[in-house]
Amino acid sequence: MADQEHEHGSMNIKTQEKTFEGFIRMVTWGAGISIAILIFLALSNS
């Protein structure tokens, strides 16, 4: 185990990239929906 050297940039990160992309998409949609709900509540309350 001590014989192996880590080579920077050699790991396959496709799964992590897809997970991060999905997370960012969900956060963006969640923020947009929250803002839309807040605008709707503000307009319907006045």
PDB file of N, CA and C in Angstrom:
ATOM      1  N   MET A   1       0.821  -1.190   0.000  1.00  0.00           N
ATOM      2  CA  MET A   1       0.000   0.000   0.000  1.00  0.00           C
ATOM      3  C   MET A   1       0.869   1.259   0.000  1.00  0.00           C
ATOM      4  N   ALA A   2       1.982   1.220   0.712  1.00  0.00           N
ATOM      5  CA  ALA A   2       2.862   2.378   0.761  1.00  0.00           C
ATOM      6  C   ALA A   2       3.634   2.556  -0.542  1.00  0.00           C
ATOM      7  N   ASP A   3       3.652   1.506  -1.381  1.00  0.00           N
ATOM      8  CA  ASP A   3       4.382   1.587  -2.638  1.00  0.00           C
ATOM      9  C   ASP A   3       3.643   2.418  -3.686  1.00  0.00           C
ATOM     10  N   GLN A   4       2.330   2.540  -3.547  1.00  0.00           N
ATOM     11  CA  GLN A   4       1.531   3.234  -4.552  1.00  0.00           C
ATOM     12  C   GLN A   4       1.617   4.744  -4.347  1.00  0.00           C
ATOM     13  N   GLU A   5       1.866   5.432  -5.445  1.00  0.00           N
ATOM     14  CA  GLU A   5       1.891   6.888  -5.434  1.00  0.00           C
ATOM     15  C   GLU A   5       0.610   7.401  -6.075  1.00  0.00           C
ATOM     16  N   HIS A   6       0.048   8.441  -5.506  1.00  0.00           N
ATOM     17  CA  HIS A   6      -1.150   9.044  -6.084  1.00  0.00           C
ATOM     18  C   HIS A   6      -0.746   9.987  -7.200  1.00  0.00           C
ATOM     19  N   GLU A   7      -1.346   9.792  -8.354  1.00  0.00           N
ATOM     20  CA  GLU A   7      -1.081  10.673  -9.486  1.00  0.00           C
ATOM     21  C   GLU A   7      -2.228  11.666  -9.583  1.00  0.00           C
ATOM     22  N   HIS A   8      -1.945  12.933  -9.383  1.00  0.00           N
ATOM     23  CA  HIS A   8      -2.957  13.975  -9.364  1.00  0.00           C
ATOM     24  C   HIS A   8      -3.703  14.023 -10.702  1.00  0.00           C
ATOM     25  N   GLY A   9      -5.020  14.020 -10.632  1.00  0.00           N
ATOM     26  CA  GLY A   9      -5.846  14.118 -11.831  1.00  0.00           C
ATOM     27  C   GLY A   9      -6.134  12.804 -12.510  1.00  0.00           C
ATOM     28  N   SER A  10      -5.809  11.686 -11.889  1.00  0.00           N
ATOM     29  CA  SER A  10      -5.990  10.402 -12.561  1.00  0.00           C
ATOM     30  C   SER A  10      -7.297   9.695 -12.167  1.00  0.00           C
ATOM     31  N   MET A  11      -8.032  10.233 -11.193  1.00  0.00           N
ATOM     32  CA  MET A  11      -9.242   9.571 -10.730  1.00  0.00           C
ATOM     33  C   MET A  11     -10.425   9.892 -11.640  1.00  0.00           C
ATOM     34  N   ASN A  12     -11.278   8.903 -11.873  1.00  0.00           N
ATOM     35  CA  ASN A  12     -12.480   9.116 -12.669  1.00  0.00           C
ATOM     36  C   ASN A  12     -13.526   9.792 -11.787  1.00  0.00           C
ATOM     37  N   ILE A  13     -13.955  11.000 -12.179  1.00  0.00           N
ATOM     38  CA  ILE A  13     -14.878  11.769 -11.350  1.00  0.00           C
ATOM     39  C   ILE A  13     -16.209  12.036 -12.048  1.00  0.00           C
ATOM     40  N   LYS A  14     -16.564  11.216 -13.045  1.00  0.00           N
ATOM     41  CA  LYS A  14     -17.807  11.424 -13.783  1.00  0.00           C
ATOM     42  C   LYS A  14     -19.027  11.334 -12.865  1.00  0.00           C
ATOM     43  N   THR A  15     -19.035  10.392 -11.927  1.00  0.00           N
ATOM     44  CA  THR A  15     -20.163  10.237 -11.020  1.00  0.00           C
ATOM     45  C   THR A  15     -20.302  11.462 -10.125  1.00  0.00           C
ATOM     46  N   GLN A  16     -19.203  11.965  -9.611  1.00  0.00           N
ATOM     47  CA  GLN A  16     -19.244  13.147  -8.758  1.00  0.00           C
ATOM     48  C   GLN A  16     -19.724  14.364  -9.541  1.00  0.00           C
ATOM     49  N   GLU A  17     -19.291  14.483 -10.793  1.00  0.00           N
ATOM     50  CA  GLU A  17     -19.717  15.614 -11.617  1.00  0.00           C
ATOM     51  C   GLU A  17     -21.224  15.562 -11.871  1.00  0.00           C
ATOM     52  N   LYS A  18     -21.756  14.371 -12.148  1.00  0.00           N
ATOM     53  CA  LYS A  18     -23.196  14.233 -12.378  1.00  0.00           C
ATOM     54  C   LYS A  18     -23.988  14.536 -11.107  1.00  0.00           C
ATOM     55  N   THR A  19     -23.484  14.097  -9.964  1.00  0.00           N
ATOM     56  CA  THR A  19     -24.155  14.368  -8.694  1.00  0.00           C
ATOM     57  C   THR A  19     -24.159  15.862  -8.404  1.00  0.00           C
ATOM     58  N   PHE A  20     -23.038  16.519  -8.603  1.00  0.00           N
ATOM     59  CA  PHE A  20     -22.953  17.958  -8.360  1.00  0.00           C
ATOM     60  C   PHE A  20     -23.865  18.725  -9.309  1.00  0.00           C
ATOM     61  N   GLU A  21     -23.912  18.306 -10.572  1.00  0.00           N
ATOM     62  CA  GLU A  21     -24.784  18.956 -11.544  1.00  0.00           C
ATOM     63  C   GLU A  21     -26.252  18.826 -11.131  1.00  0.00           C
ATOM     64  N   GLY A  22     -26.639  17.649 -10.668  1.00  0.00           N
ATOM     65  CA  GLY A  22     -28.005  17.449 -10.189  1.00  0.00           C
ATOM     66  C   GLY A  22     -28.309  18.288  -8.967  1.00  0.00           C
ATOM     67  N   PHE A  23     -27.351  18.391  -8.045  1.00  0.00           N
ATOM     68  CA  PHE A  23     -27.532  19.206  -6.850  1.00  0.00           C
ATOM     69  C   PHE A  23     -27.738  20.674  -7.219  1.00  0.00           C
ATOM     70  N   ILE A  24     -26.899  21.192  -8.106  1.00  0.00           N
ATOM     71  CA  ILE A  24     -27.018  22.586  -8.522  1.00  0.00           C
ATOM     72  C   ILE A  24     -28.348  22.828  -9.223  1.00  0.00           C
ATOM     73  N   ARG A  25     -28.786  21.885 -10.049  1.00  0.00           N
ATOM     74  CA  ARG A  25     -30.068  22.021 -10.736  1.00  0.00           C
ATOM     75  C   ARG A  25     -31.217  22.058  -9.728  1.00  0.00           C
ATOM     76  N   MET A  26     -31.178  21.186  -8.719  1.00  0.00           N
ATOM     77  CA  MET A  26     -32.240  21.169  -7.707  1.00  0.00           C
ATOM     78  C   MET A  26     -32.248  22.456  -6.882  1.00  0.00           C
ATOM     79  N   VAL A  27     -31.082  22.966  -6.526  1.00  0.00           N
ATOM     80  CA  VAL A  27     -31.014  24.218  -5.763  1.00  0.00           C
ATOM     81  C   VAL A  27     -31.564  25.375  -6.594  1.00  0.00           C
ATOM     82  N   THR A  28     -31.216  25.410  -7.875  1.00  0.00           N
ATOM     83  CA  THR A  28     -31.703  26.473  -8.752  1.00  0.00           C
ATOM     84  C   THR A  28     -33.219  26.423  -8.880  1.00  0.00           C
ATOM     85  N   TRP A  29     -33.764  25.239  -9.128  1.00  0.00           N
ATOM     86  CA  TRP A  29     -35.219  25.089  -9.225  1.00  0.00           C
ATOM     87  C   TRP A  29     -35.895  25.434  -7.905  1.00  0.00           C
ATOM     88  N   GLY A  30     -35.326  24.981  -6.809  1.00  0.00           N
ATOM     89  CA  GLY A  30     -35.897  25.274  -5.490  1.00  0.00           C
ATOM     90  C   GLY A  30     -35.933  26.767  -5.199  1.00  0.00           C
ATOM     91  N   ALA A  31     -34.848  27.460  -5.537  1.00  0.00           N
ATOM     92  CA  ALA A  31     -34.802  28.907  -5.321  1.00  0.00           C
ATOM     93  C   ALA A  31     -35.822  29.612  -6.215  1.00  0.00           C
ATOM     94  N   GLY A  32     -35.924  29.195  -7.459  1.00  0.00           N
ATOM     95  CA  GLY A  32     -36.893  29.804  -8.377  1.00  0.00           C
ATOM     96  C   GLY A  32     -38.329  29.593  -7.931  1.00  0.00           C
ATOM     97  N   ILE A  33     -38.638  28.391  -7.488  1.00  0.00           N
ATOM     98  CA  ILE A  33     -39.988  28.102  -7.012  1.00  0.00           C
ATOM     99  C   ILE A  33     -40.288  28.898  -5.740  1.00  0.00           C
ATOM    100  N   SER A  34     -39.314  28.999  -4.841  1.00  0.00           N
ATOM    101  CA  SER A  34     -39.502  29.765  -3.608  1.00  0.00           C
ATOM    102  C   SER A  34     -39.751  31.238  -3.911  1.00  0.00           C
ATOM    103  N   ILE A  35     -38.987  31.795  -4.832  1.00  0.00           N
ATOM    104  CA  ILE A  35     -39.172  33.198  -5.213  1.00  0.00           C
ATOM    105  C   ILE A  35     -40.542  33.394  -5.852  1.00  0.00           C
ATOM    106  N   ALA A  36     -40.950  32.467  -6.717  1.00  0.00           N
ATOM    107  CA  ALA A  36     -42.265  32.571  -7.351  1.00  0.00           C
ATOM    108  C   ALA A  36     -43.378  32.511  -6.313  1.00  0.00           C
ATOM    109  N   ILE A  37     -43.263  31.645  -5.335  1.00  0.00           N
ATOM    110  CA  ILE A  37     -44.279  31.550  -4.277  1.00  0.00           C
ATOM    111  C   ILE A  37     -44.320  32.847  -3.470  1.00  0.00           C
ATOM    112  N   LEU A  38     -43.157  33.383  -3.127  1.00  0.00           N
ATOM    113  CA  LEU A  38     -43.118  34.640  -2.379  1.00  0.00           C
ATOM    114  C   LEU A  38     -43.746  35.784  -3.159  1.00  0.00           C
ATOM    115  N   ILE A  39     -43.472  35.866  -4.464  1.00  0.00           N
ATOM    116  CA  ILE A  39     -44.078  36.911  -5.301  1.00  0.00           C
ATOM    117  C   ILE A  39     -45.588  36.716  -5.361  1.00  0.00           C
ATOM    118  N   PHE A  40     -46.045  35.499  -5.541  1.00  0.00           N
ATOM    119  CA  PHE A  40     -47.479  35.215  -5.563  1.00  0.00           C
ATOM    120  C   PHE A  40     -48.134  35.616  -4.250  1.00  0.00           C
ATOM    121  N   LEU A  41     -47.525  35.281  -3.127  1.00  0.00           N
ATOM    122  CA  LEU A  41     -48.095  35.630  -1.827  1.00  0.00           C
ATOM    123  C   LEU A  41     -48.129  37.154  -1.636  1.00  0.00           C
ATOM    124  N   ALA A  42     -47.076  37.825  -2.082  1.00  0.00           N
ATOM    125  CA  ALA A  42     -47.036  39.288  -1.937  1.00  0.00           C
ATOM    126  C   ALA A  42     -48.125  39.946  -2.793  1.00  0.00           C
ATOM    127  N   LEU A  43     -48.324  39.432  -3.994  1.00  0.00           N
ATOM    128  CA  LEU A  43     -49.333  40.041  -4.875  1.00  0.00           C
ATOM    129  C   LEU A  43     -50.750  39.709  -4.438  1.00  0.00           C
ATOM    130  N   SER A  44     -50.978  38.537  -3.927  1.00  0.00           N
ATOM    131  CA  SER A  44     -52.335  38.149  -3.540  1.00  0.00           C
ATOM    132  C   SER A  44     -52.733  38.718  -2.185  1.00  0.00           C
ATOM    133  N   ASN A  45     -51.773  39.189  -1.415  1.00  0.00           N
ATOM    134  CA  ASN A  45     -52.069  39.736  -0.097  1.00  0.00           C
ATOM    135  C   ASN A  45     -52.353  41.233  -0.147  1.00  0.00           C
ATOM    136  N   SER A  46     -52.036  41.882  -1.253  1.00  0.00           N
ATOM    137  CA  SER A  46     -52.204  43.338  -1.306  1.00  0.00           C
ATOM    138  C   SER A  46     -53.525  43.787  -1.876  1.00  0.00           C
TER     139      SER A  46
END
